[in-house]
Protein backbone atom coordinates (compact mmCIF):
# COMPACT_ATOMS: atom_id res chain seq x y z
CA MET A 1 0.09 0.03 0.02
CA VAL A 2 2.88 2.34 0.72
CA GLU A 3 4.52 1.64 -2.72
CA THR A 4 1.20 2.32 -4.42
CA THR A 5 0.60 5.63 -2.58
CA LEU A 6 4.27 6.90 -3.57
CA GLN A 7 3.70 5.68 -7.09
CA LEU A 8 0.66 7.98 -7.25
CA CYS A 9 2.18 11.08 -5.52
CA PHE A 10 5.36 10.52 -8.01
CA ALA A 11 3.09 10.15 -10.89
CA LEU A 12 1.46 13.50 -10.35
CA ASN A 13 4.76 15.50 -10.67
CA ASP A 14 8.37 14.28 -11.05
CA HIS A 15 9.71 17.07 -8.95
CA CYS A 16 7.11 16.79 -5.99
CA ILE A 17 9.90 16.02 -3.62
CA VAL A 18 10.41 19.58 -3.73
CA THR A 19 7.67 20.14 -1.58
CA GLN A 20 9.83 18.72 1.09
CA PHE A 21 12.35 21.49 0.98
CA LEU A 22 9.94 24.09 0.38
CA LEU A 23 8.26 23.27 3.57
CA VAL A 24 11.18 23.36 5.81
CA PRO A 25 11.24 27.24 6.40
CA LEU A 26 7.21 27.45 6.95
CA HIS A 27 6.97 24.61 9.40
CA CYS A 28 10.79 23.92 10.97
CA ARG A 29 12.89 26.12 13.08
CA LYS A 30 16.42 25.29 13.85
CA CYS A 31 17.37 23.96 17.57
CA ASN A 32 20.41 25.18 19.54
CA ASN A 33 22.03 21.46 18.27
CA GLY A 34 21.81 22.55 14.83
CA GLU A 35 19.10 20.15 13.91
CA TYR A 36 15.65 21.15 12.38
CA GLU A 37 12.58 20.87 14.97
CA ASP A 38 9.66 19.88 12.76
CA ARG A 39 6.81 21.91 14.35
CA LEU A 40 3.88 21.33 12.08
CA SER A 41 4.21 17.50 12.13
CA ASP A 42 3.85 17.64 16.09
CA LEU A 43 0.31 19.13 15.40
CA PRO A 44 -2.60 16.83 16.26
CA ASP A 45 -3.89 15.06 13.19
CA SER A 46 -7.26 16.90 13.49
CA VAL A 47 -5.27 20.07 12.85
CA ILE A 48 -3.22 18.99 10.07
CA LEU A 49 -6.31 17.77 8.43
CA HIS A 50 -8.18 21.02 8.87
CA ILE A 51 -5.18 23.05 6.97
CA LEU A 52 -5.04 20.12 4.44
CA SER A 53 -8.68 20.52 3.51
CA PHE A 54 -8.27 23.91 2.01
CA LEU A 55 -5.61 22.56 -0.64
CA ASN A 56 -6.30 20.84 -3.70
CA THR A 57 -6.38 17.06 -3.69
CA LYS A 58 -3.46 16.80 -5.56
CA ASP A 59 -1.20 18.77 -3.31
CA VAL A 60 -2.59 16.90 -0.29
CA VAL A 61 -1.31 13.45 -1.69
CA ARG A 62 2.04 15.01 -2.17
CA THR A 63 2.52 15.46 1.40
CA CYS A 64 2.94 11.64 1.97
CA VAL A 65 6.56 11.79 0.88
CA LEU A 66 7.50 14.30 3.75
CA SER A 67 7.93 11.71 6.49
CA ARG A 68 6.42 8.74 7.95
CA ARG A 69 4.25 10.87 9.84
CA TRP A 70 2.81 12.03 6.66
CA LYS A 71 2.66 8.68 4.92
CA ASP A 72 -1.02 8.38 5.52
CA ILE A 73 -2.58 11.45 6.74
CA TRP A 74 -4.00 12.32 3.24
CA LYS A 75 -6.29 8.97 3.35
CA HIS A 76 -8.20 10.89 6.06
CA ILE A 77 -8.78 13.96 4.52
CA PRO A 78 -12.42 14.96 4.75
CA THR A 79 -12.56 17.32 1.78
CA LEU A 80 -11.78 16.22 -1.94
CA ILE A 81 -11.12 19.01 -4.57
CA PHE A 82 -10.55 17.72 -7.92
CA ASN A 83 -9.89 19.87 -10.81
CA SER A 84 -8.85 18.72 -14.47
CA SER A 85 -6.99 22.00 -15.13
CA ARG A 86 -4.00 20.90 -12.88
CA PHE A 87 -3.41 17.74 -14.85
CA ASP A 88 -1.38 17.44 -18.36
CA THR A 89 -4.09 15.11 -19.66
CA VAL A 90 -7.71 13.88 -19.13
CA ARG A 91 -6.29 10.26 -18.64
CA GLN A 92 -4.06 11.45 -15.95
CA PHE A 93 -6.63 13.23 -14.17
CA GLU A 94 -8.96 9.98 -14.58
CA ILE A 95 -5.98 7.98 -13.11
CA PHE A 96 -5.69 10.11 -10.24
CA MET A 97 -9.19 10.24 -9.19
CA SER A 98 -9.78 6.46 -9.53
CA LYS A 99 -6.75 5.84 -7.17
CA ILE A 100 -7.92 8.39 -4.54
CA MET A 101 -11.48 6.85 -4.47
CA THR A 102 -9.82 3.46 -4.06
CA LEU A 103 -7.14 4.25 -1.60
CA ARG A 104 -8.94 6.66 0.74
CA ASP A 105 -9.93 5.55 4.14
CA ASN A 106 -13.52 4.84 3.47
CA THR A 107 -14.38 5.04 7.02
CA THR A 108 -13.42 8.93 7.24
CA ALA A 109 -16.57 11.02 6.56
CA LEU A 110 -16.83 12.95 3.22
CA HIS A 111 -17.70 16.62 4.29
CA SER A 112 -17.07 18.44 0.84
CA LEU A 113 -16.58 17.26 -2.62
CA ASP A 114 -15.25 19.90 -5.48
CA PHE A 115 -15.50 18.27 -9.12
CA ASP A 116 -14.32 20.49 -11.94
CA HIS A 117 -13.83 18.99 -15.47
CA MET A 118 -14.91 20.91 -18.51
CA GLY A 119 -13.33 18.46 -21.11
CA LYS A 120 -14.64 14.96 -22.52
CA MET A 121 -15.15 12.56 -19.48
CA GLU A 122 -15.72 8.77 -19.69
CA HIS A 123 -19.10 7.72 -18.58
CA GLN A 124 -17.81 5.37 -16.17
CA LEU A 125 -15.81 7.63 -14.40
CA LEU A 126 -18.77 10.07 -13.70
CA GLN A 127 -20.60 6.96 -12.33
CA LYS A 128 -17.81 6.24 -10.39
CA ILE A 129 -17.63 9.41 -8.74
CA LEU A 130 -21.37 9.96 -8.10
CA SER A 131 -21.55 6.24 -6.66
CA TYR A 132 -18.47 7.45 -4.08
CA VAL A 133 -21.10 10.57 -3.64
CA TYR A 134 -23.86 8.09 -2.81
CA SER A 135 -21.80 5.90 -0.30
CA HIS A 136 -20.87 9.36 1.85
CA ASN A 137 -24.09 11.36 1.38
CA THR A 138 -24.96 11.10 5.29
CA LYS A 139 -22.25 13.44 6.08
CA LEU A 140 -21.91 15.20 2.96
CA GLN A 141 -22.44 18.97 3.63
CA GLN A 142 -20.91 21.00 0.38
CA LEU A 143 -20.93 19.81 -3.14
CA ARG A 144 -19.68 21.36 -6.25
CA ILE A 145 -19.97 19.99 -9.82
CA PHE A 146 -18.53 21.85 -12.67
CA VAL A 147 -19.08 19.49 -15.80
CA HIS A 148 -19.98 18.54 -19.29
CA ASN A 149 -22.17 15.63 -18.97
CA ASP A 150 -25.75 14.47 -18.82
CA ASN A 151 -28.09 16.19 -16.18
CA GLY A 152 -30.16 12.84 -15.06
CA LEU A 153 -27.42 11.11 -13.32
CA ILE A 154 -25.90 14.21 -11.48
CA MET A 155 -29.25 15.44 -10.21
CA GLN A 156 -30.28 12.07 -9.04
CA CYS A 157 -27.10 11.65 -6.89
CA VAL A 158 -27.69 15.57 -5.45
CA SER A 159 -31.29 14.73 -4.34
CA SER A 160 -29.86 11.95 -2.21
CA CYS A 161 -27.46 14.53 -0.57
CA GLN A 162 -30.11 15.45 2.11
CA TYR A 163 -27.58 17.10 4.68
CA LEU A 164 -26.17 19.67 1.98
CA THR A 165 -25.69 22.96 3.30
CA SER A 166 -23.97 24.14 0.29
CA LEU A 167 -24.32 23.31 -3.36
CA LYS A 168 -22.64 24.68 -6.48
CA LEU A 169 -23.80 23.30 -9.81
CA SER A 170 -22.91 24.00 -13.33
CA ILE A 171 -23.85 21.22 -15.70
CA TYR A 172 -23.52 21.78 -19.61
CA PRO A 173 -25.05 19.19 -21.56
CA ARG A 174 -22.81 17.27 -24.25
CA ILE A 175 -25.14 17.78 -26.99
CA SER A 176 -24.22 20.94 -28.38
CA PHE A 177 -27.84 22.13 -29.56
CA CYS A 178 -28.98 21.70 -26.24
CA SER A 179 -27.80 24.39 -24.20
CA HIS A 180 -29.49 24.29 -21.12
CA THR A 181 -30.30 21.43 -18.24
CA ILE A 182 -33.56 21.39 -16.74
CA PHE A 183 -33.72 22.41 -13.01
CA PRO A 184 -36.03 19.68 -11.21
CA LYS A 185 -39.06 20.93 -9.64
CA SER A 186 -39.03 18.32 -7.06
CA LEU A 187 -35.80 18.70 -5.68
CA ASN A 188 -35.93 19.06 -2.00
CA LEU A 189 -32.61 19.43 0.31
CA PRO A 190 -34.02 20.39 3.80
CA ALA A 191 -30.67 21.57 5.26
CA LEU A 192 -29.47 23.67 2.02
CA GLU A 193 -28.48 27.38 3.04
CA MET A 194 -26.26 28.21 0.06
CA LEU A 195 -27.36 27.42 -3.94
CA ASP A 196 -25.42 28.63 -6.86
CA ILE A 197 -26.50 27.37 -10.14
CA SER A 198 -25.19 28.08 -13.66
CA ASN A 199 -26.85 27.07 -17.03
CA PHE A 200 -30.24 25.79 -15.99
CA THR A 201 -33.72 26.04 -17.08
CA PHE A 202 -36.80 26.89 -15.23
CA TYR A 203 -40.20 25.42 -16.18
CA GLY A 204 -43.23 26.99 -15.24
CA GLY A 205 -45.95 25.41 -12.87
CA GLU A 206 -49.84 25.07 -13.43
CA ASN A 207 -50.10 28.64 -12.47
CA GLY A 208 -47.88 29.70 -15.06
CA VAL A 209 -45.00 30.75 -12.82
CA ALA A 210 -41.54 29.03 -12.09
CA GLU A 211 -41.16 28.55 -8.64
CA PRO A 212 -37.84 26.41 -8.55
CA PHE A 213 -36.80 27.15 -4.93
CA SER A 214 -39.82 27.00 -2.84
CA ALA A 215 -38.71 23.57 -1.09
CA PHE A 216 -35.46 25.15 0.26
CA THR A 217 -36.95 26.32 3.81
CA LYS A 218 -33.44 27.18 5.08
CA LEU A 219 -31.94 29.01 2.07
CA LYS A 220 -29.84 32.29 2.85
CA SER A 221 -27.88 32.75 -0.45
CA LEU A 222 -28.88 32.11 -3.89
CA ILE A 223 -26.98 32.91 -7.08
CA ILE A 224 -28.16 31.89 -10.44
CA ARG A 225 -26.03 32.61 -13.54
CA GLY A 226 -27.02 32.42 -17.31
CA CYS A 227 -30.56 30.67 -16.50
CA LYS A 228 -33.51 30.89 -18.56
CA VAL A 229 -37.30 30.00 -18.73
CA MET A 230 -39.70 27.67 -20.53
CA ASP A 231 -43.54 27.94 -20.53
CA THR A 232 -43.51 31.20 -18.61
CA GLN A 233 -41.83 34.25 -18.32
CA MET A 234 -41.95 34.52 -14.67
CA ILE A 235 -39.93 33.58 -11.70
CA ASN A 236 -41.16 33.67 -8.11
CA ILE A 237 -38.59 33.43 -5.46
CA SER A 238 -40.35 32.68 -2.12
CA SER A 239 -38.24 32.29 1.04
CA GLU A 240 -38.46 33.54 4.48
CA THR A 241 -34.79 33.20 5.18
CA LEU A 242 -33.18 34.20 2.04
CA VAL A 243 -30.68 36.97 2.59
CA ASN A 244 -28.36 37.60 -0.33
CA PHE A 245 -29.76 36.99 -3.98
CA ALA A 246 -27.61 37.55 -7.13
CA MET A 247 -28.66 37.13 -10.64
CA HIS A 248 -25.68 37.06 -13.23
CA TYR A 249 -26.44 37.02 -17.01
CA SER A 250 -29.79 35.12 -17.45
CA SER A 251 -31.84 35.18 -20.25
CA SER A 252 -34.08 38.10 -21.36
CA LYS A 253 -36.96 36.01 -21.44
CA ILE A 254 -37.14 36.35 -17.71
CA ALA A 255 -39.49 39.15 -18.00
CA LYS A 256 -40.66 39.34 -14.31
CA ILE A 257 -39.32 38.11 -11.07
CA GLU A 258 -41.30 38.34 -7.74
CA LEU A 259 -39.46 38.61 -4.71
CA SER A 260 -41.33 36.97 -1.49
CA THR A 261 -38.15 37.57 0.86
CA PRO A 262 -38.78 39.48 3.80
CA SER A 263 -35.14 38.72 4.94
CA LEU A 264 -33.67 39.95 1.79
CA CYS A 265 -30.76 42.23 2.44
CA THR A 266 -28.61 42.17 -0.58
CA PHE A 267 -29.41 42.15 -4.23
CA THR A 268 -26.76 41.87 -7.02
CA PHE A 269 -27.33 42.03 -10.56
CA TYR A 270 -25.00 41.51 -13.82
CA GLY A 271 -26.37 41.82 -17.10
CA ILE A 272 -28.80 43.68 -19.20
CA PRO A 273 -31.60 45.06 -16.90
CA CYS A 274 -34.76 44.03 -18.61
CA GLN A 275 -36.70 42.15 -15.98
CA LYS A 276 -39.28 43.71 -13.86
CA ILE A 277 -38.69 42.91 -10.26
CA TYR A 278 -41.39 43.35 -7.84
CA GLY A 279 -42.67 42.21 -4.41
CA SER A 280 -43.97 43.49 -1.02
CA TYR A 281 -40.65 43.72 0.74
CA LEU A 282 -38.37 45.25 -1.86
CA SER A 283 -38.05 48.31 0.80
CA SER A 284 -36.16 45.87 3.20
CA VAL A 285 -33.24 45.71 0.82
CA LYS A 286 -30.25 47.66 2.20
CA GLU A 287 -27.33 46.68 -0.04
CA VAL A 288 -27.65 47.01 -3.90
CA ASN A 289 -25.15 45.99 -6.59
CA ILE A 290 -25.73 46.69 -10.21
CA TYR A 291 -23.45 45.99 -12.97
CA ALA A 292 -25.71 46.86 -16.02
CA HIS A 293 -24.77 46.13 -19.60
CA MET A 294 -26.71 47.92 -21.80
CA ASP A 295 -28.45 47.14 -25.33
CA ARG A 296 -28.69 49.88 -27.80
CA TYR A 297 -31.79 47.92 -29.41
CA LEU A 298 -33.76 47.99 -26.40
CA GLU A 299 -34.92 51.33 -25.75
CA ASN A 300 -36.89 50.83 -22.30
CA LEU A 301 -33.76 49.49 -20.68
CA PRO A 302 -33.05 52.64 -18.86
CA MET A 303 -36.67 53.10 -17.62
CA VAL A 304 -36.29 49.47 -16.17
CA LEU A 305 -33.26 50.70 -14.28
CA PHE A 306 -34.67 53.81 -13.02
CA ASN A 307 -37.74 51.46 -11.63
CA TRP A 308 -35.61 49.45 -9.85
CA LEU A 309 -33.83 51.93 -8.05
CA GLN A 310 -37.38 53.67 -7.18
CA ASP A 311 -38.55 50.37 -5.77
CA LEU A 312 -35.37 49.71 -3.65
CA SER A 313 -36.23 52.69 -1.72
CA GLY A 314 -34.55 51.36 1.66
CA VAL A 315 -31.22 50.93 0.18
CA LYS A 316 -28.30 52.16 2.40
CA SER A 317 -25.44 51.05 0.30
CA LEU A 318 -25.74 51.18 -3.58
CA LYS A 319 -22.80 49.88 -5.93
CA VAL A 320 -22.91 50.36 -9.62
CA SER A 321 -20.86 50.13 -12.95
CA SER A 322 -20.06 52.94 -14.82
CA ILE A 323 -22.51 52.29 -17.51
CA THR A 324 -25.17 52.01 -14.96
CA LEU A 325 -24.34 55.43 -13.60
CA GLN A 326 -24.46 57.17 -16.86
CA VAL A 327 -27.77 55.63 -17.63
CA TYR A 328 -29.02 56.76 -14.25
CA LEU A 329 -27.53 60.16 -14.56
CA GLY A 330 -28.92 60.80 -18.11
CA MET A 331 -32.27 60.53 -16.76
CA ILE A 332 -32.46 62.82 -13.98
């Protein structure tokens, strides 16, 4: 097992042994007898694992060559961060992930998984990753997936993670003409507090309104990026707990956004301000950030922006882009 671990480490980078020398000034100090005292290795495992949880898993594995003390620590890391951009080839990335999931101590709870791969990926590997998530979903609290792949398997896996508090999803279909993935109406994550989604399509209900987030009863932060609607032009965001809401470059087909959010304090917008935003609690918003991109073919955009600022009458902090400011000053 030790030999396999070392092979994995050296397969990452022929020069990874340099890590040992780079760490010397950071965690060692010279004693009176001229030898170095290893202060970092003297820390309890729990502290070391907490420090390592902030690093990419590729770098975490490299620590196994530092000393016998570090040989197996990486196997108990509660956080896995996989990013294909850290590897020269997709094949290297796939081999690395497969070995990590095989060699990692399966009795160690997995609290966070961050998976980022925007190239072609074998379907079997995705299934293996999702199966790994399934087997650790009772403790998983943070999940981020950024991939080009089919939506179905991933969303089934996500729905099984009932203890998630933070979810970030960017799923781009493999078929080029299908530019968006469908956000399921039935997704229910009772512990979710933070949701950040990109490239999703919301469908309207029987009342003609899309209400994709109504099941998230503890949601505090919501970010939607590049999303659009079908069978409707209106989104309702209803939440008693939502504090921060941000909308980035979403489709102009979203004509109306109704905010039923009595706790909302911060609203952030990037893109072309063509949506009508209304609700009973807009005056409770205290911080607004608007980074508008204007379209010369849409003549009513300045008036939409002006109406926003009128409706958000209780704002104490306002940040706008230079374009936004030019439009607003031009109407005064």
